[in-house]
Amino acid sequence: MKKTILSLSLSISVAIGFISCGDDDKDPISCAEATASSTTLLTELQNVNPDDYASKCATYKQALVNQKASCGDSNGAIQTLIDELDCSSIPAN
């Protein structure tokens, strides 16, 4: 179950990045950079040591916030990922 949820998150994150990427000079990082970061962090989260889950999850969640700020979120998919991400406990398999 954990891998299914995280795989779905990865798919949505990557798809959103490709659909909505648009560089804007006022953003601290580009949409492409924000998307790459959140994708990398999701991969790390999928393989994390249980003792490090909360920290890695929080880092991934912040990357999603950054991606939303850089890329926009016209359909609300990134915000849904942020809202549904519970970093307080490791998801069951």
C-alpha atoms as a PDB file:
ATOM      1  CA  MET A   1       0.000   0.000   0.000  1.00  0.00           C
ATOM      2  CA  LYS A   2       2.820   2.410   0.919  1.00  0.00           C
ATOM      3  CA  LYS A   3       4.545   1.847  -2.409  1.00  0.00           C
ATOM      4  CA  THR A   4       1.259   2.297  -4.280  1.00  0.00           C
ATOM      5  CA  ILE A   5       0.558   5.643  -2.604  1.00  0.00           C
ATOM      6  CA  LEU A   6       4.115   6.857  -3.060  1.00  0.00           C
ATOM      7  CA  SER A   7       4.193   5.651  -6.684  1.00  0.00           C
ATOM      8  CA  LEU A   8       0.971   7.510  -7.360  1.00  0.00           C
ATOM      9  CA  SER A   9       2.477  10.613  -5.746  1.00  0.00           C
ATOM     10  CA  LEU A  10       5.542  10.299  -7.962  1.00  0.00           C
ATOM     11  CA  SER A  11       3.441   9.921 -11.094  1.00  0.00           C
ATOM     12  CA  ILE A  12       1.310  12.925 -10.245  1.00  0.00           C
ATOM     13  CA  SER A  13       4.319  15.015  -9.261  1.00  0.00           C
ATOM     14  CA  VAL A  14       6.189  14.277 -12.480  1.00  0.00           C
ATOM     15  CA  ALA A  15       3.101  14.773 -14.636  1.00  0.00           C
ATOM     16  CA  ILE A  16       2.336  18.108 -13.014  1.00  0.00           C
ATOM     17  CA  GLY A  17       5.900  19.216 -13.505  1.00  0.00           C
ATOM     18  CA  PHE A  18       5.858  18.430 -17.198  1.00  0.00           C
ATOM     19  CA  ILE A  19       2.435  19.959 -17.753  1.00  0.00           C
ATOM     20  CA  SER A  20       2.843  23.154 -15.783  1.00  0.00           C
ATOM     21  CA  CYS A  21       6.543  23.938 -15.914  1.00  0.00           C
ATOM     22  CA  GLY A  22       7.208  27.488 -16.820  1.00  0.00           C
ATOM     23  CA  ASP A  23      10.257  29.399 -15.733  1.00  0.00           C
ATOM     24  CA  ASP A  24       9.679  32.771 -14.124  1.00  0.00           C
ATOM     25  CA  ASP A  25      12.559  35.051 -13.141  1.00  0.00           C
ATOM     26  CA  LYS A  26      10.842  36.115  -9.909  1.00  0.00           C
ATOM     27  CA  ASP A  27      10.798  32.545  -8.548  1.00  0.00           C
ATOM     28  CA  PRO A  28      13.802  31.493  -6.467  1.00  0.00           C
ATOM     29  CA  ILE A  29      13.908  28.164  -8.329  1.00  0.00           C
ATOM     30  CA  SER A  30      12.474  27.187 -11.672  1.00  0.00           C
ATOM     31  CA  CYS A  31       9.536  24.860 -12.068  1.00  0.00           C
ATOM     32  CA  ALA A  32      11.840  22.262 -13.607  1.00  0.00           C
ATOM     33  CA  GLU A  33      14.210  22.461 -10.632  1.00  0.00           C
ATOM     34  CA  ALA A  34      11.351  22.245  -8.122  1.00  0.00           C
ATOM     35  CA  THR A  35       9.842  19.260  -9.921  1.00  0.00           C
ATOM     36  CA  ALA A  36      13.183  17.470 -10.121  1.00  0.00           C
ATOM     37  CA  SER A  37      13.755  18.082  -6.426  1.00  0.00           C
ATOM     38  CA  SER A  38      10.361  16.741  -5.354  1.00  0.00           C
ATOM     39  CA  THR A  39      10.772  13.712  -7.636  1.00  0.00           C
ATOM     40  CA  THR A  40      14.207  12.924  -6.177  1.00  0.00           C
ATOM     41  CA  LEU A  41      12.977  13.362  -2.618  1.00  0.00           C
ATOM     42  CA  LEU A  42       9.974  11.107  -3.242  1.00  0.00           C
ATOM     43  CA  THR A  43      12.305   8.380  -4.501  1.00  0.00           C
ATOM     44  CA  GLU A  44      14.411   8.777  -1.363  1.00  0.00           C
ATOM     45  CA  LEU A  45      11.277   8.640   0.790  1.00  0.00           C
ATOM     46  CA  GLN A  46      10.241   5.357  -0.807  1.00  0.00           C
ATOM     47  CA  ASN A  47      13.539   3.779   0.294  1.00  0.00           C
ATOM     48  CA  VAL A  48      14.033   5.528   3.626  1.00  0.00           C
ATOM     49  CA  ASN A  49      15.109   3.925   6.872  1.00  0.00           C
ATOM     50  CA  PRO A  50      12.042   3.962   9.180  1.00  0.00           C
ATOM     51  CA  ASP A  51      13.980   6.022  11.742  1.00  0.00           C
ATOM     52  CA  ASP A  52      14.460   8.771   9.149  1.00  0.00           C
ATOM     53  CA  TYR A  53      10.920   8.726   7.735  1.00  0.00           C
ATOM     54  CA  ALA A  54       9.555  11.813   9.533  1.00  0.00           C
ATOM     55  CA  SER A  55      12.506  13.983   8.522  1.00  0.00           C
ATOM     56  CA  LYS A  56      12.565  12.827   4.888  1.00  0.00           C
ATOM     57  CA  CYS A  57       8.792  13.154   4.669  1.00  0.00           C
ATOM     58  CA  ALA A  58       8.912  16.734   5.939  1.00  0.00           C
ATOM     59  CA  THR A  59      11.625  17.541   3.402  1.00  0.00           C
ATOM     60  CA  TYR A  60       9.548  16.013   0.599  1.00  0.00           C
ATOM     61  CA  LYS A  61       6.467  17.925   1.769  1.00  0.00           C
ATOM     62  CA  GLN A  62       8.416  21.204   1.633  1.00  0.00           C
ATOM     63  CA  ALA A  63       9.620  20.299  -1.862  1.00  0.00           C
ATOM     64  CA  LEU A  64       5.986  19.912  -2.914  1.00  0.00           C
ATOM     65  CA  VAL A  65       5.223  23.354  -1.439  1.00  0.00           C
ATOM     66  CA  ASN A  66       8.147  24.758  -3.440  1.00  0.00           C
ATOM     67  CA  GLN A  67       6.947  22.970  -6.568  1.00  0.00           C
ATOM     68  CA  LYS A  68       3.470  24.422  -6.112  1.00  0.00           C
ATOM     69  CA  ALA A  69       4.918  27.914  -5.694  1.00  0.00           C
ATOM     70  CA  SER A  70       7.184  27.584  -8.734  1.00  0.00           C
ATOM     71  CA  CYS A  71       4.872  25.709 -11.088  1.00  0.00           C
ATOM     72  CA  GLY A  72       1.392  26.642  -9.966  1.00  0.00           C
ATOM     73  CA  ASP A  73      -1.315  24.117  -9.164  1.00  0.00           C
ATOM     74  CA  SER A  74      -4.303  24.908 -11.334  1.00  0.00           C
ATOM     75  CA  ASN A  75      -6.000  21.555 -10.759  1.00  0.00           C
ATOM     76  CA  GLY A  76      -5.109  21.263  -7.057  1.00  0.00           C
ATOM     77  CA  ALA A  77      -3.179  18.000  -7.446  1.00  0.00           C
ATOM     78  CA  ILE A  78      -0.050  19.209  -5.647  1.00  0.00           C
ATOM     79  CA  GLN A  79      -2.084  20.621  -2.764  1.00  0.00           C
ATOM     80  CA  THR A  80      -3.905  17.291  -2.501  1.00  0.00           C
ATOM     81  CA  LEU A  81      -0.559  15.500  -2.188  1.00  0.00           C
ATOM     82  CA  ILE A  82       0.534  17.986   0.484  1.00  0.00           C
ATOM     83  CA  ASP A  83      -2.724  17.630   2.413  1.00  0.00           C
ATOM     84  CA  GLU A  84      -2.699  13.824   2.294  1.00  0.00           C
ATOM     85  CA  LEU A  85       0.947  13.414   3.260  1.00  0.00           C
ATOM     86  CA  ASP A  86       1.146  12.339   6.909  1.00  0.00           C
ATOM     87  CA  CYS A  87       4.708  12.600   8.145  1.00  0.00           C
ATOM     88  CA  SER A  88       3.861  11.544  11.684  1.00  0.00           C
ATOM     89  CA  SER A  89       3.749   7.838  10.912  1.00  0.00           C
ATOM     90  CA  ILE A  90       5.209   5.468   8.348  1.00  0.00           C
ATOM     91  CA  PRO A  91       2.521   4.261   5.918  1.00  0.00           C
ATOM     92  CA  ALA A  92       1.734   0.550   6.046  1.00  0.00           C
ATOM     93  CA  ASN A  93       2.814  -1.602   3.116  1.00  0.00           C
END
